[in-house]
Amino acid sequence: MSEPVSPLTKQQTTEAEAKSAKHSYPVRLALDLDESIPPIFGAPLGTTISGDAAIAAVNDKGFKGFYGRTMCRFLNLFQKNHGAKAVAGDLERSEEVEKYEEDSGVINQ
């Protein structure tokens, strides 16, 4: 059986990040809910359920790895390589927050 998550190339990552940066307000609200679940199970803030599943599919053994691979295979039915694209979106949103905070002038750099 093929791997449920295929790493993205730099170009694919850039494209996925750009798409994530253009999400509408309702989609961003849904993402807020999506990002509220993984920290309950130990993932960092800002990680979506899909992104956490993809990371688990690639890096974890045992039950969490099984969960990640199963979730990614399920999500691949709706969007090819959804997990890797979700991780790219998580990265884009974290970089957006980082830029916002750096540009705020509140922190001296």
PDB file of N, CA and C in Angstrom:
ATOM      1  N   MET A   1       0.852  -1.174   0.000  1.00  0.00           N
ATOM      2  CA  MET A   1       0.000   0.000   0.000  1.00  0.00           C
ATOM      3  C   MET A   1       0.896   1.235   0.000  1.00  0.00           C
ATOM      4  N   SER A   2       0.518   2.251  -0.755  1.00  0.00           N
ATOM      5  CA  SER A   2       1.339   3.456  -0.847  1.00  0.00           C
ATOM      6  C   SER A   2       1.259   4.276   0.441  1.00  0.00           C
ATOM      7  N   GLU A   3       2.232   5.130   0.590  1.00  0.00           N
ATOM      8  CA  GLU A   3       2.273   5.995   1.770  1.00  0.00           C
ATOM      9  C   GLU A   3       1.139   7.020   1.687  1.00  0.00           C
ATOM     10  N   PRO A   4       0.484   7.328   2.803  1.00  0.00           N
ATOM     11  CA  PRO A   4      -0.639   8.262   2.785  1.00  0.00           C
ATOM     12  C   PRO A   4      -0.227   9.726   2.692  1.00  0.00           C
ATOM     13  N   VAL A   5       1.054  10.024   2.935  1.00  0.00           N
ATOM     14  CA  VAL A   5       1.544  11.397   2.870  1.00  0.00           C
ATOM     15  C   VAL A   5       2.793  11.418   2.005  1.00  0.00           C
ATOM     16  N   SER A   6       2.781  12.260   0.982  1.00  0.00           N
ATOM     17  CA  SER A   6       3.956  12.438   0.131  1.00  0.00           C
ATOM     18  C   SER A   6       4.513  13.831   0.395  1.00  0.00           C
ATOM     19  N   PRO A   7       5.781  13.950   0.751  1.00  0.00           N
ATOM     20  CA  PRO A   7       6.347  15.278   0.997  1.00  0.00           C
ATOM     21  C   PRO A   7       6.186  16.170  -0.237  1.00  0.00           C
ATOM     22  N   LEU A   8       5.921  17.432  -0.002  1.00  0.00           N
ATOM     23  CA  LEU A   8       5.759  18.385  -1.083  1.00  0.00           C
ATOM     24  C   LEU A   8       7.111  18.925  -1.522  1.00  0.00           C
ATOM     25  N   THR A   9       7.213  19.267  -2.805  1.00  0.00           N
ATOM     26  CA  THR A   9       8.407  19.959  -3.292  1.00  0.00           C
ATOM     27  C   THR A   9       8.330  21.407  -2.807  1.00  0.00           C
ATOM     28  N   LYS A  10       9.418  22.150  -2.968  1.00  0.00           N
ATOM     29  CA  LYS A  10       9.408  23.562  -2.560  1.00  0.00           C
ATOM     30  C   LYS A  10       8.327  24.326  -3.323  1.00  0.00           C
ATOM     31  N   GLN A  11       8.174  24.046  -4.604  1.00  0.00           N
ATOM     32  CA  GLN A  11       7.155  24.737  -5.401  1.00  0.00           C
ATOM     33  C   GLN A  11       5.750  24.377  -4.923  1.00  0.00           C
ATOM     34  N   GLN A  12       5.503  23.105  -4.659  1.00  0.00           N
ATOM     35  CA  GLN A  12       4.192  22.686  -4.159  1.00  0.00           C
ATOM     36  C   GLN A  12       3.899  23.305  -2.790  1.00  0.00           C
ATOM     37  N   THR A  13       4.930  23.405  -1.944  1.00  0.00           N
ATOM     38  CA  THR A  13       4.756  24.026  -0.632  1.00  0.00           C
ATOM     39  C   THR A  13       4.392  25.492  -0.789  1.00  0.00           C
ATOM     40  N   THR A  14       5.090  26.195  -1.673  1.00  0.00           N
ATOM     41  CA  THR A  14       4.806  27.609  -1.916  1.00  0.00           C
ATOM     42  C   THR A  14       3.381  27.793  -2.421  1.00  0.00           C
ATOM     43  N   GLU A  15       2.950  26.928  -3.335  1.00  0.00           N
ATOM     44  CA  GLU A  15       1.587  27.008  -3.866  1.00  0.00           C
ATOM     45  C   GLU A  15       0.546  26.740  -2.782  1.00  0.00           C
ATOM     46  N   ALA A  16       0.782  25.740  -1.944  1.00  0.00           N
ATOM     47  CA  ALA A  16      -0.152  25.420  -0.866  1.00  0.00           C
ATOM     48  C   ALA A  16      -0.208  26.541   0.161  1.00  0.00           C
ATOM     49  N   GLU A  17       0.940  27.146   0.463  1.00  0.00           N
ATOM     50  CA  GLU A  17       0.964  28.263   1.402  1.00  0.00           C
ATOM     51  C   GLU A  17       0.208  29.461   0.836  1.00  0.00           C
ATOM     52  N   ALA A  18       0.398  29.745  -0.455  1.00  0.00           N
ATOM     53  CA  ALA A  18      -0.292  30.877  -1.083  1.00  0.00           C
ATOM     54  C   ALA A  18      -1.802  30.668  -1.064  1.00  0.00           C
ATOM     55  N   LYS A  19      -2.230  29.453  -1.330  1.00  0.00           N
ATOM     56  CA  LYS A  19      -3.665  29.153  -1.295  1.00  0.00           C
ATOM     57  C   LYS A  19      -4.212  29.333   0.120  1.00  0.00           C
ATOM     58  N   SER A  20      -3.451  28.901   1.111  1.00  0.00           N
ATOM     59  CA  SER A  20      -3.883  29.020   2.501  1.00  0.00           C
ATOM     60  C   SER A  20      -3.996  30.484   2.921  1.00  0.00           C
ATOM     61  N   ALA A  21      -3.117  31.328   2.404  1.00  0.00           N
ATOM     62  CA  ALA A  21      -3.121  32.747   2.780  1.00  0.00           C
ATOM     63  C   ALA A  21      -4.354  33.473   2.267  1.00  0.00           C
ATOM     64  N   LYS A  22      -5.053  32.890   1.300  1.00  0.00           N
ATOM     65  CA  LYS A  22      -6.212  33.552   0.684  1.00  0.00           C
ATOM     66  C   LYS A  22      -7.551  33.008   1.169  1.00  0.00           C
ATOM     67  N   HIS A  23      -7.558  32.250   2.253  1.00  0.00           N
ATOM     68  CA  HIS A  23      -8.816  31.694   2.757  1.00  0.00           C
ATOM     69  C   HIS A  23      -9.776  32.802   3.160  1.00  0.00           C
ATOM     70  N   SER A  24     -11.051  32.568   2.919  1.00  0.00           N
ATOM     71  CA  SER A  24     -12.088  33.530   3.291  1.00  0.00           C
ATOM     72  C   SER A  24     -12.293  33.523   4.809  1.00  0.00           C
ATOM     73  N   TYR A  25     -13.015  34.515   5.289  1.00  0.00           N
ATOM     74  CA  TYR A  25     -13.275  34.633   6.727  1.00  0.00           C
ATOM     75  C   TYR A  25     -13.987  33.391   7.288  1.00  0.00           C
ATOM     76  N   PRO A  26     -15.051  32.888   6.639  1.00  0.00           N
ATOM     77  CA  PRO A  26     -15.699  31.685   7.182  1.00  0.00           C
ATOM     78  C   PRO A  26     -14.755  30.475   7.257  1.00  0.00           C
ATOM     79  N   VAL A  27     -13.887  30.340   6.269  1.00  0.00           N
ATOM     80  CA  VAL A  27     -12.926  29.229   6.295  1.00  0.00           C
ATOM     81  C   VAL A  27     -11.940  29.429   7.438  1.00  0.00           C
ATOM     82  N   ARG A  28     -11.525  30.662   7.665  1.00  0.00           N
ATOM     83  CA  ARG A  28     -10.601  30.941   8.776  1.00  0.00           C
ATOM     84  C   ARG A  28     -11.258  30.637  10.124  1.00  0.00           C
ATOM     85  N   LEU A  29     -12.550  30.903  10.240  1.00  0.00           N
ATOM     86  CA  LEU A  29     -13.254  30.554  11.478  1.00  0.00           C
ATOM     87  C   LEU A  29     -13.269  29.043  11.680  1.00  0.00           C
ATOM     88  N   ALA A  30     -13.519  28.306  10.599  1.00  0.00           N
ATOM     89  CA  ALA A  30     -13.494  26.842  10.680  1.00  0.00           C
ATOM     90  C   ALA A  30     -12.095  26.356  11.071  1.00  0.00           C
ATOM     91  N   LEU A  31     -11.063  27.019  10.536  1.00  0.00           N
ATOM     92  CA  LEU A  31      -9.687  26.649  10.887  1.00  0.00           C
ATOM     93  C   LEU A  31      -9.403  26.897  12.361  1.00  0.00           C
ATOM     94  N   ASP A  32      -9.987  27.965  12.910  1.00  0.00           N
ATOM     95  CA  ASP A  32      -9.812  28.214  14.341  1.00  0.00           C
ATOM     96  C   ASP A  32     -10.321  27.038  15.163  1.00  0.00           C
ATOM     97  N   LEU A  33     -11.464  26.525  14.792  1.00  0.00           N
ATOM     98  CA  LEU A  33     -12.013  25.352  15.477  1.00  0.00           C
ATOM     99  C   LEU A  33     -11.103  24.142  15.243  1.00  0.00           C
ATOM    100  N   ASP A  34     -10.667  23.974  14.000  1.00  0.00           N
ATOM    101  CA  ASP A  34      -9.790  22.868  13.627  1.00  0.00           C
ATOM    102  C   ASP A  34      -8.480  22.913  14.424  1.00  0.00           C
ATOM    103  N   GLU A  35      -7.965  24.104  14.684  1.00  0.00           N
ATOM    104  CA  GLU A  35      -6.709  24.254  15.411  1.00  0.00           C
ATOM    105  C   GLU A  35      -6.871  24.115  16.924  1.00  0.00           C
ATOM    106  N   SER A  36      -8.105  24.083  17.410  1.00  0.00           N
ATOM    107  CA  SER A  36      -8.311  24.006  18.858  1.00  0.00           C
ATOM    108  C   SER A  36      -8.195  22.580  19.400  1.00  0.00           C
ATOM    109  N   ILE A  37      -8.288  21.579  18.548  1.00  0.00           N
ATOM    110  CA  ILE A  37      -8.291  20.184  18.996  1.00  0.00           C
ATOM    111  C   ILE A  37      -6.886  19.599  19.219  1.00  0.00           C
ATOM    112  N   PRO A  38      -5.940  19.692  18.264  1.00  0.00           N
ATOM    113  CA  PRO A  38      -4.647  19.028  18.439  1.00  0.00           C
ATOM    114  C   PRO A  38      -3.878  19.382  19.718  1.00  0.00           C
ATOM    115  N   PRO A  39      -3.907  20.656  20.185  1.00  0.00           N
ATOM    116  CA  PRO A  39      -3.161  20.926  21.432  1.00  0.00           C
ATOM    117  C   PRO A  39      -3.662  20.125  22.631  1.00  0.00           C
ATOM    118  N   ILE A  40      -4.908  19.707  22.611  1.00  0.00           N
ATOM    119  CA  ILE A  40      -5.436  18.871  23.695  1.00  0.00           C
ATOM    120  C   ILE A  40      -4.639  17.568  23.785  1.00  0.00           C
ATOM    121  N   PHE A  41      -4.136  17.112  22.630  1.00  0.00           N
ATOM    122  CA  PHE A  41      -3.408  15.845  22.570  1.00  0.00           C
ATOM    123  C   PHE A  41      -1.898  16.040  22.432  1.00  0.00           C
ATOM    124  N   GLY A  42      -1.419  17.266  22.736  1.00  0.00           N
ATOM    125  CA  GLY A  42       0.018  17.487  22.795  1.00  0.00           C
ATOM    126  C   GLY A  42       0.658  18.162  21.601  1.00  0.00           C
ATOM    127  N   ALA A  43      -0.099  18.471  20.565  1.00  0.00           N
ATOM    128  CA  ALA A  43       0.471  19.158  19.401  1.00  0.00           C
ATOM    129  C   ALA A  43       0.613  20.650  19.713  1.00  0.00           C
ATOM    130  N   PRO A  44       1.521  21.343  19.035  1.00  0.00           N
ATOM    131  CA  PRO A  44       1.680  22.784  19.270  1.00  0.00           C
ATOM    132  C   PRO A  44       0.448  23.573  18.807  1.00  0.00           C
ATOM    133  N   LEU A  45       0.246  24.737  19.414  1.00  0.00           N
ATOM    134  CA  LEU A  45      -0.827  25.629  18.982  1.00  0.00           C
ATOM    135  C   LEU A  45      -0.648  25.965  17.505  1.00  0.00           C
ATOM    136  N   GLY A  46      -1.751  26.087  16.790  1.00  0.00           N
ATOM    137  CA  GLY A  46      -1.702  26.426  15.371  1.00  0.00           C
ATOM    138  C   GLY A  46      -1.649  25.223  14.452  1.00  0.00           C
ATOM    139  N   THR A  47      -1.578  24.039  15.021  1.00  0.00           N
ATOM    140  CA  THR A  47      -1.572  22.814  14.223  1.00  0.00           C
ATOM    141  C   THR A  47      -3.007  22.365  14.004  1.00  0.00           C
ATOM    142  N   THR A  48      -3.359  22.070  12.748  1.00  0.00           N
ATOM    143  CA  THR A  48      -4.701  21.575  12.456  1.00  0.00           C
ATOM    144  C   THR A  48      -4.767  20.067  12.687  1.00  0.00           C
ATOM    145  N   ILE A  49      -5.960  19.548  12.745  1.00  0.00           N
ATOM    146  CA  ILE A  49      -6.149  18.105  12.911  1.00  0.00           C
ATOM    147  C   ILE A  49      -5.472  17.369  11.757  1.00  0.00           C
ATOM    148  N   SER A  50      -5.672  17.861  10.539  1.00  0.00           N
ATOM    149  CA  SER A  50      -5.075  17.217   9.359  1.00  0.00           C
ATOM    150  C   SER A  50      -3.553  17.276   9.397  1.00  0.00           C
ATOM    151  N   GLY A  51      -3.013  18.428   9.776  1.00  0.00           N
ATOM    152  CA  GLY A  51      -1.561  18.569   9.855  1.00  0.00           C
ATOM    153  C   GLY A  51      -0.968  17.656  10.908  1.00  0.00           C
ATOM    154  N   ASP A  52      -1.621  17.570  12.055  1.00  0.00           N
ATOM    155  CA  ASP A  52      -1.149  16.685  13.119  1.00  0.00           C
ATOM    156  C   ASP A  52      -1.199  15.228  12.677  1.00  0.00           C
ATOM    157  N   ALA A  53      -2.265  14.866  11.956  1.00  0.00           N
ATOM    158  CA  ALA A  53      -2.380  13.486  11.460  1.00  0.00           C
ATOM    159  C   ALA A  53      -1.264  13.175  10.465  1.00  0.00           C
ATOM    160  N   ALA A  54      -0.946  14.128   9.593  1.00  0.00           N
ATOM    161  CA  ALA A  54       0.117  13.910   8.606  1.00  0.00           C
ATOM    162  C   ALA A  54       1.468  13.736   9.290  1.00  0.00           C
ATOM    163  N   ILE A  55       1.741  14.564  10.280  1.00  0.00           N
ATOM    164  CA  ILE A  55       3.011  14.456  11.013  1.00  0.00           C
ATOM    165  C   ILE A  55       3.086  13.121  11.743  1.00  0.00           C
ATOM    166  N   ALA A  56       1.971  12.706  12.344  1.00  0.00           N
ATOM    167  CA  ALA A  56       1.933  11.406  13.028  1.00  0.00           C
ATOM    168  C   ALA A  56       2.129  10.268  12.029  1.00  0.00           C
ATOM    169  N   ALA A  57       1.521  10.383  10.844  1.00  0.00           N
ATOM    170  CA  ALA A  57       1.646   9.330   9.826  1.00  0.00           C
ATOM    171  C   ALA A  57       3.089   9.133   9.403  1.00  0.00           C
ATOM    172  N   VAL A  58       3.842  10.217   9.332  1.00  0.00           N
ATOM    173  CA  VAL A  58       5.229  10.151   8.886  1.00  0.00           C
ATOM    174  C   VAL A  58       6.183   9.787  10.021  1.00  0.00           C
ATOM    175  N   ASN A  59       5.938  10.313  11.220  1.00  0.00           N
ATOM    176  CA  ASN A  59       6.934  10.217  12.288  1.00  0.00           C
ATOM    177  C   ASN A  59       6.642   9.234  13.406  1.00  0.00           C
ATOM    178  N   ASP A  60       5.390   8.860  13.602  1.00  0.00           N
ATOM    179  CA  ASP A  60       5.048   8.072  14.784  1.00  0.00           C
ATOM    180  C   ASP A  60       4.790   6.609  14.462  1.00  0.00           C
ATOM    181  N   LYS A  61       5.075   5.799  15.442  1.00  0.00           N
ATOM    182  CA  LYS A  61       4.766   4.368  15.385  1.00  0.00           C
ATOM    183  C   LYS A  61       3.604   4.108  16.328  1.00  0.00           C
ATOM    184  N   GLY A  62       3.149   2.920  16.407  1.00  0.00           N
ATOM    185  CA  GLY A  62       2.091   2.573  17.351  1.00  0.00           C
ATOM    186  C   GLY A  62       0.759   3.192  16.972  1.00  0.00           C
ATOM    187  N   PHE A  63      -0.067   3.425  17.989  1.00  0.00           N
ATOM    188  CA  PHE A  63      -1.434   3.876  17.744  1.00  0.00           C
ATOM    189  C   PHE A  63      -1.491   5.232  17.062  1.00  0.00           C
ATOM    190  N   LYS A  64      -0.669   6.203  17.512  1.00  0.00           N
ATOM    191  CA  LYS A  64      -0.737   7.539  16.914  1.00  0.00           C
ATOM    192  C   LYS A  64      -0.350   7.497  15.436  1.00  0.00           C
ATOM    193  N   GLY A  65       0.654   6.729  15.085  1.00  0.00           N
ATOM    194  CA  GLY A  65       1.040   6.579  13.684  1.00  0.00           C
ATOM    195  C   GLY A  65      -0.062   5.911  12.876  1.00  0.00           C
ATOM    196  N   PHE A  66      -0.691   4.883  13.452  1.00  0.00           N
ATOM    197  CA  PHE A  66      -1.808   4.207  12.791  1.00  0.00           C
ATOM    198  C   PHE A  66      -2.953   5.185  12.566  1.00  0.00           C
ATOM    199  N   TYR A  67      -3.281   5.966  13.605  1.00  0.00           N
ATOM    200  CA  TYR A  67      -4.324   6.987  13.476  1.00  0.00           C
ATOM    201  C   TYR A  67      -3.975   7.971  12.357  1.00  0.00           C
ATOM    202  N   GLY A  68      -2.727   8.458  12.343  1.00  0.00           N
ATOM    203  CA  GLY A  68      -2.308   9.432  11.334  1.00  0.00           C
ATOM    204  C   GLY A  68      -2.405   8.883   9.927  1.00  0.00           C
ATOM    205  N   ARG A  69      -1.936   7.656   9.719  1.00  0.00           N
ATOM    206  CA  ARG A  69      -2.001   7.047   8.383  1.00  0.00           C
ATOM    207  C   ARG A  69      -3.442   6.808   7.951  1.00  0.00           C
ATOM    208  N   THR A  70      -4.274   6.350   8.880  1.00  0.00           N
ATOM    209  CA  THR A  70      -5.686   6.094   8.572  1.00  0.00           C
ATOM    210  C   THR A  70      -6.403   7.395   8.236  1.00  0.00           C
ATOM    211  N   MET A  71      -6.176   8.425   9.048  1.00  0.00           N
ATOM    212  CA  MET A  71      -6.809   9.724   8.809  1.00  0.00           C
ATOM    213  C   MET A  71      -6.362  10.304   7.465  1.00  0.00           C
ATOM    214  N   CYS A  72      -5.079  10.200   7.169  1.00  0.00           N
ATOM    215  CA  CYS A  72      -4.575  10.746   5.902  1.00  0.00           C
ATOM    216  C   CYS A  72      -5.135   9.990   4.700  1.00  0.00           C
ATOM    217  N   ARG A  73      -5.236   8.686   4.810  1.00  0.00           N
ATOM    218  CA  ARG A  73      -5.839   7.921   3.705  1.00  0.00           C
ATOM    219  C   ARG A  73      -7.299   8.334   3.499  1.00  0.00           C
ATOM    220  N   PHE A  74      -8.027   8.545   4.582  1.00  0.00           N
ATOM    221  CA  PHE A  74      -9.418   8.999   4.494  1.00  0.00           C
ATOM    222  C   PHE A  74      -9.479  10.385   3.837  1.00  0.00           C
ATOM    223  N   LEU A  75      -8.647  11.302   4.286  1.00  0.00           N
ATOM    224  CA  LEU A  75      -8.667  12.668   3.736  1.00  0.00           C
ATOM    225  C   LEU A  75      -8.217  12.707   2.278  1.00  0.00           C
ATOM    226  N   ASN A  76      -7.352  11.757   1.885  1.00  0.00           N
ATOM    227  CA  ASN A  76      -6.910  11.691   0.490  1.00  0.00           C
ATOM    228  C   ASN A  76      -8.058  11.367  -0.464  1.00  0.00           C
ATOM    229  N   LEU A  77      -9.148  10.818   0.064  1.00  0.00           N
ATOM    230  CA  LEU A  77     -10.331  10.564  -0.773  1.00  0.00           C
ATOM    231  C   LEU A  77     -10.958  11.871  -1.242  1.00  0.00           C
ATOM    232  N   PHE A  78     -10.758  12.948  -0.482  1.00  0.00           N
ATOM    233  CA  PHE A  78     -11.354  14.246  -0.791  1.00  0.00           C
ATOM    234  C   PHE A  78     -10.375  15.203  -1.468  1.00  0.00           C
ATOM    235  N   GLN A  79      -9.097  15.104  -1.110  1.00  0.00           N
ATOM    236  CA  GLN A  79      -8.057  15.950  -1.688  1.00  0.00           C
ATOM    237  C   GLN A  79      -6.756  15.166  -1.678  1.00  0.00           C
ATOM    238  N   LYS A  80      -6.164  15.006  -2.847  1.00  0.00           N
ATOM    239  CA  LYS A  80      -4.912  14.259  -2.953  1.00  0.00           C
ATOM    240  C   LYS A  80      -3.843  14.905  -2.069  1.00  0.00           C
ATOM    241  N   ASN A  81      -3.182  14.085  -1.260  1.00  0.00           N
ATOM    242  CA  ASN A  81      -2.094  14.497  -0.373  1.00  0.00           C
ATOM    243  C   ASN A  81      -2.520  15.626   0.568  1.00  0.00           C
ATOM    244  N   HIS A  82      -3.731  15.507   1.092  1.00  0.00           N
ATOM    245  CA  HIS A  82      -4.297  16.537   1.954  1.00  0.00           C
ATOM    246  C   HIS A  82      -3.420  16.829   3.171  1.00  0.00           C
ATOM    247  N   GLY A  83      -2.855  15.810   3.779  1.00  0.00           N
ATOM    248  CA  GLY A  83      -2.061  16.003   4.995  1.00  0.00           C
ATOM    249  C   GLY A  83      -0.862  16.910   4.778  1.00  0.00           C
ATOM    250  N   ALA A  84      -0.108  16.676   3.724  1.00  0.00           N
ATOM    251  CA  ALA A  84       1.064  17.513   3.439  1.00  0.00           C
ATOM    252  C   ALA A  84       0.636  18.944   3.132  1.00  0.00           C
ATOM    253  N   LYS A  85      -0.466  19.099   2.425  1.00  0.00           N
ATOM    254  CA  LYS A  85      -0.974  20.443   2.123  1.00  0.00           C
ATOM    255  C   LYS A  85      -1.449  21.136   3.398  1.00  0.00           C
ATOM    256  N   ALA A  86      -2.008  20.382   4.320  1.00  0.00           N
ATOM    257  CA  ALA A  86      -2.430  20.953   5.602  1.00  0.00           C
ATOM    258  C   ALA A  86      -1.230  21.439   6.400  1.00  0.00           C
ATOM    259  N   VAL A  87      -0.144  20.680   6.389  1.00  0.00           N
ATOM    260  CA  VAL A  87       1.071  21.103   7.101  1.00  0.00           C
ATOM    261  C   VAL A  87       1.600  22.399   6.476  1.00  0.00           C
ATOM    262  N   ALA A  88       1.580  22.496   5.141  1.00  0.00           N
ATOM    263  CA  ALA A  88       2.019  23.729   4.474  1.00  0.00           C
ATOM    264  C   ALA A  88       1.128  24.905   4.867  1.00  0.00           C
ATOM    265  N   GLY A  89      -0.179  24.672   4.970  1.00  0.00           N
ATOM    266  CA  GLY A  89      -1.094  25.723   5.403  1.00  0.00           C
ATOM    267  C   GLY A  89      -0.838  26.138   6.839  1.00  0.00           C
ATOM    268  N   ASP A  90      -0.565  25.167   7.710  1.00  0.00           N
ATOM    269  CA  ASP A  90      -0.235  25.468   9.107  1.00  0.00           C
ATOM    270  C   ASP A  90       1.012  26.359   9.162  1.00  0.00           C
ATOM    271  N   LEU A  91       1.996  26.019   8.339  1.00  0.00           N
ATOM    272  CA  LEU A  91       3.239  26.789   8.295  1.00  0.00           C
ATOM    273  C   LEU A  91       2.975  28.211   7.812  1.00  0.00           C
ATOM    274  N   GLU A  92       2.177  28.362   6.774  1.00  0.00           N
ATOM    275  CA  GLU A  92       1.853  29.690   6.238  1.00  0.00           C
ATOM    276  C   GLU A  92       1.181  30.552   7.299  1.00  0.00           C
ATOM    277  N   ARG A  93       0.209  29.984   7.996  1.00  0.00           N
ATOM    278  CA  ARG A  93      -0.494  30.766   9.025  1.00  0.00           C
ATOM    279  C   ARG A  93       0.438  31.151  10.170  1.00  0.00           C
ATOM    280  N   SER A  94       1.361  30.264  10.543  1.00  0.00           N
ATOM    281  CA  SER A  94       2.289  30.601  11.624  1.00  0.00           C
ATOM    282  C   SER A  94       3.254  31.702  11.181  1.00  0.00           C
ATOM    283  N   GLU A  95       3.675  31.663   9.921  1.00  0.00           N
ATOM    284  CA  GLU A  95       4.562  32.707   9.410  1.00  0.00           C
ATOM    285  C   GLU A  95       3.830  34.049   9.322  1.00  0.00           C
ATOM    286  N   GLU A  96       2.537  34.004   8.990  1.00  0.00           N
ATOM    287  CA  GLU A  96       1.721  35.218   8.933  1.00  0.00           C
ATOM    288  C   GLU A  96       1.620  35.865  10.320  1.00  0.00           C
ATOM    289  N   VAL A  97       1.413  35.042  11.344  1.00  0.00           N
ATOM    290  CA  VAL A  97       1.349  35.545  12.716  1.00  0.00           C
ATOM    291  C   VAL A  97       2.718  36.106  13.128  1.00  0.00           C
ATOM    292  N   GLU A  98       3.775  35.396  12.801  1.00  0.00           N
ATOM    293  CA  GLU A  98       5.115  35.851  13.146  1.00  0.00           C
ATOM    294  C   GLU A  98       5.398  37.218  12.521  1.00  0.00           C
ATOM    295  N   LYS A  99       5.072  37.401  11.258  1.00  0.00           N
ATOM    296  CA  LYS A  99       5.297  38.680  10.582  1.00  0.00           C
ATOM    297  C   LYS A  99       4.462  39.782  11.228  1.00  0.00           C
ATOM    298  N   TYR A 100       3.212  39.493  11.517  1.00  0.00           N
ATOM    299  CA  TYR A 100       2.318  40.460  12.153  1.00  0.00           C
ATOM    300  C   TYR A 100       2.905  40.935  13.483  1.00  0.00           C
ATOM    301  N   GLU A 101       3.385  40.006  14.272  1.00  0.00           N
ATOM    302  CA  GLU A 101       3.920  40.352  15.586  1.00  0.00           C
ATOM    303  C   GLU A 101       5.264  41.067  15.481  1.00  0.00           C
ATOM    304  N   GLU A 102       6.112  40.650  14.551  1.00  0.00           N
ATOM    305  CA  GLU A 102       7.389  41.333  14.367  1.00  0.00           C
ATOM    306  C   GLU A 102       7.178  42.770  13.886  1.00  0.00           C
ATOM    307  N   ASP A 103       6.197  42.979  12.999  1.00  0.00           N
ATOM    308  CA  ASP A 103       5.920  44.303  12.439  1.00  0.00           C
ATOM    309  C   ASP A 103       5.160  45.211  13.412  1.00  0.00           C
ATOM    310  N   SER A 104       4.713  44.675  14.544  1.00  0.00           N
ATOM    311  CA  SER A 104       3.888  45.447  15.476  1.00  0.00           C
ATOM    312  C   SER A 104       4.660  46.552  16.187  1.00  0.00           C
ATOM    313  N   GLY A 105       5.955  46.416  16.300  1.00  0.00           N
ATOM    314  CA  GLY A 105       6.745  47.383  17.016  1.00  0.00           C
ATOM    315  C   GLY A 105       6.749  47.154  18.521  1.00  0.00           C
ATOM    316  N   VAL A 106       6.064  46.144  18.980  1.00  0.00           N
ATOM    317  CA  VAL A 106       6.002  45.850  20.407  1.00  0.00           C
ATOM    318  C   VAL A 106       7.295  45.195  20.889  1.00  0.00           C
ATOM    319  N   ILE A 107       7.928  44.444  20.021  1.00  0.00           N
ATOM    320  CA  ILE A 107       9.155  43.731  20.366  1.00  0.00           C
ATOM    321  C   ILE A 107      10.331  44.393  19.650  1.00  0.00           C
ATOM    322  N   ASN A 108      11.342  44.731  20.407  1.00  0.00           N
ATOM    323  CA  ASN A 108      12.559  45.282  19.789  1.00  0.00           C
ATOM    324  C   ASN A 108      13.380  44.152  19.215  1.00  0.00           C
ATOM    325  N   GLN A 109      13.802  44.339  17.988  1.00  0.00           N
ATOM    326  CA  GLN A 109      14.583  43.282  17.339  1.00  0.00           C
ATOM    327  C   GLN A 109      16.008  43.723  17.120  1.00  0.00           C
TER     328      GLN A 109
END
